[in-house]
Amino acid sequence: ALPICNEDGMGLVNIVRQEAQVDLLKQLGSTHVVNSSDDDFVGQLRSAIDDTDAFYGFDPIGGGKSVDNVFKAMEQVAVGKMTEYSRYGSNQQKRMFIYGRLDVGATILSPSYGFGWTLS
């Protein structure tokens, strides 16, 4: 996906769990790599989403809170770009696709993503 996104000028946010993976992806040309093990992961994720407008994501993990964390960050970025306040959040479309089950536990979601979100 990285070469295709770079070639087409599409912003891509890579989420990894180890610093070695950050280094590898940056060597391959990725500009937005965030490490979920870092203390400031959520802030890095929000910043990367804001820079790229990446409101679609693909998750190979499946279980746990990874999708929840990404949806929350997407919504926080979207709310920051709103011109009018809405107590219901944004209507920015956000979409996540789970394509793997590296974590076979439950996928945990919380009600904090605004109006427009889809999980497939």
Protein backbone atom coordinates (compact mmCIF):
# COMPACT_ATOMS: atom_id res chain seq x y z
CA ALA A 1 0.00 0.00 0.00
CA LEU A 2 2.84 2.41 0.78
CA PRO A 3 4.26 2.68 -2.76
CA ILE A 4 0.78 3.05 -4.27
CA CYS A 5 -0.25 5.76 -1.81
CA ASN A 6 3.03 7.62 -2.31
CA GLU A 7 2.69 7.41 -6.09
CA ASP A 8 -0.91 8.67 -6.00
CA GLY A 9 -0.20 11.38 -3.42
CA MET A 10 -2.59 9.83 -0.91
CA GLY A 11 -1.90 10.40 2.77
CA LEU A 12 -1.26 7.18 4.68
CA VAL A 13 -0.95 6.69 8.43
CA ASN A 14 0.88 3.54 9.52
CA ILE A 15 0.29 2.25 13.06
CA VAL A 16 2.89 -0.17 14.39
CA ARG A 17 3.85 -1.62 17.77
CA GLN A 18 7.66 -1.53 17.71
CA GLU A 19 10.27 1.16 17.06
CA ALA A 20 12.03 -1.12 14.54
CA GLN A 21 8.84 -1.09 12.46
CA VAL A 22 8.77 2.73 12.60
CA ASP A 23 12.34 2.86 11.30
CA LEU A 24 11.64 0.35 8.52
CA LEU A 25 8.55 2.14 7.23
CA LYS A 26 10.31 5.51 7.29
CA GLN A 27 13.19 4.00 5.29
CA LEU A 28 10.59 2.83 2.76
CA GLY A 29 9.27 6.38 2.40
CA SER A 30 6.41 6.62 4.87
CA THR A 31 6.00 10.06 6.39
CA HIS A 32 3.36 9.25 9.03
CA VAL A 33 4.24 6.30 11.24
CA VAL A 34 2.94 6.12 14.80
CA ASN A 35 3.92 3.57 17.41
CA SER A 36 1.02 2.36 19.56
CA SER A 37 3.55 1.55 22.32
CA ASP A 38 4.58 5.21 22.70
CA ASP A 39 3.21 7.21 25.62
CA ASP A 40 2.01 9.94 23.26
CA PHE A 41 0.49 7.53 20.72
CA VAL A 42 -2.96 9.16 20.69
CA GLY A 43 -1.51 12.63 20.14
CA GLN A 44 0.73 11.34 17.35
CA LEU A 45 -2.24 9.56 15.78
CA ARG A 46 -4.42 12.67 15.87
CA SER A 47 -1.64 14.75 14.34
CA ALA A 48 -1.07 12.20 11.55
CA ILE A 49 -4.80 12.01 10.77
CA ASP A 50 -5.01 15.80 10.74
CA ASP A 51 -2.06 16.03 8.33
CA THR A 52 -3.38 13.36 5.95
CA ASP A 53 -7.19 13.53 6.31
CA ALA A 54 -7.06 9.75 6.70
CA PHE A 55 -10.64 8.95 7.67
CA TYR A 56 -10.52 5.38 6.32
CA GLY A 57 -8.50 2.65 7.96
CA PHE A 58 -7.64 -1.03 7.77
CA ASP A 59 -7.02 -3.08 10.91
CA PRO A 60 -5.36 -6.52 10.91
CA ILE A 61 -5.67 -6.86 14.71
CA GLY A 62 -9.45 -7.12 15.04
CA GLY A 63 -9.86 -7.45 18.78
CA GLY A 64 -9.23 -5.05 21.61
CA LYS A 65 -9.38 -1.27 21.37
CA SER A 66 -7.34 -0.56 18.24
CA VAL A 67 -10.36 0.32 16.06
CA ASP A 68 -11.86 2.30 18.94
CA ASN A 69 -8.66 4.33 19.35
CA VAL A 70 -8.53 5.15 15.65
CA PHE A 71 -12.23 6.09 15.45
CA LYS A 72 -11.83 8.37 18.50
CA ALA A 73 -8.78 10.08 16.99
CA MET A 74 -10.59 10.52 13.67
CA GLU A 75 -13.57 12.09 15.44
CA GLN A 76 -11.38 14.40 17.53
CA VAL A 77 -9.70 15.65 14.35
CA ALA A 78 -13.05 16.05 12.59
CA VAL A 79 -14.53 18.02 15.51
CA GLY A 80 -11.50 20.29 15.46
CA LYS A 81 -12.29 21.17 11.84
CA MET A 82 -15.98 21.90 12.41
CA THR A 83 -17.14 25.48 11.91
CA GLU A 84 -20.23 25.05 14.13
CA TYR A 85 -20.60 23.21 17.41
CA SER A 86 -22.79 20.12 17.58
CA ARG A 87 -23.27 18.22 20.81
CA TYR A 88 -23.59 15.07 18.71
CA GLY A 89 -20.14 15.41 17.19
CA SER A 90 -19.15 15.59 13.56
CA ASN A 91 -20.82 14.11 10.51
CA GLN A 92 -17.42 13.45 8.90
CA GLN A 93 -17.53 9.94 7.42
CA LYS A 94 -15.11 7.60 9.19
CA ARG A 95 -14.67 4.01 8.11
CA MET A 96 -12.62 1.10 9.41
CA PHE A 97 -12.21 -2.35 7.89
CA ILE A 98 -11.12 -5.31 10.00
CA TYR A 99 -9.37 -7.79 7.76
CA GLY A 100 -7.60 -9.99 10.28
CA ARG A 101 -7.92 -11.48 13.74
CA LEU A 102 -4.48 -11.24 15.32
CA ASP A 103 -6.40 -10.58 18.55
CA VAL A 104 -9.30 -13.03 18.81
CA GLY A 105 -10.83 -11.15 21.76
CA ALA A 106 -13.83 -8.88 21.50
CA THR A 107 -13.56 -5.71 19.42
CA ILE A 108 -14.33 -2.95 21.91
CA LEU A 109 -16.17 0.13 20.67
CA SER A 110 -17.32 3.17 22.64
CA PRO A 111 -20.03 5.65 21.64
CA SER A 112 -17.86 8.66 20.81
CA TYR A 113 -17.39 8.85 17.05
CA GLY A 114 -20.02 11.36 15.92
CA PHE A 115 -22.64 10.58 13.31
CA GLY A 116 -20.77 9.14 10.36
CA TRP A 117 -18.87 5.96 11.09
CA THR A 118 -18.89 2.45 9.69
CA LEU A 119 -17.07 -0.70 10.72
CA SER A 120 -16.83 -3.54 8.23
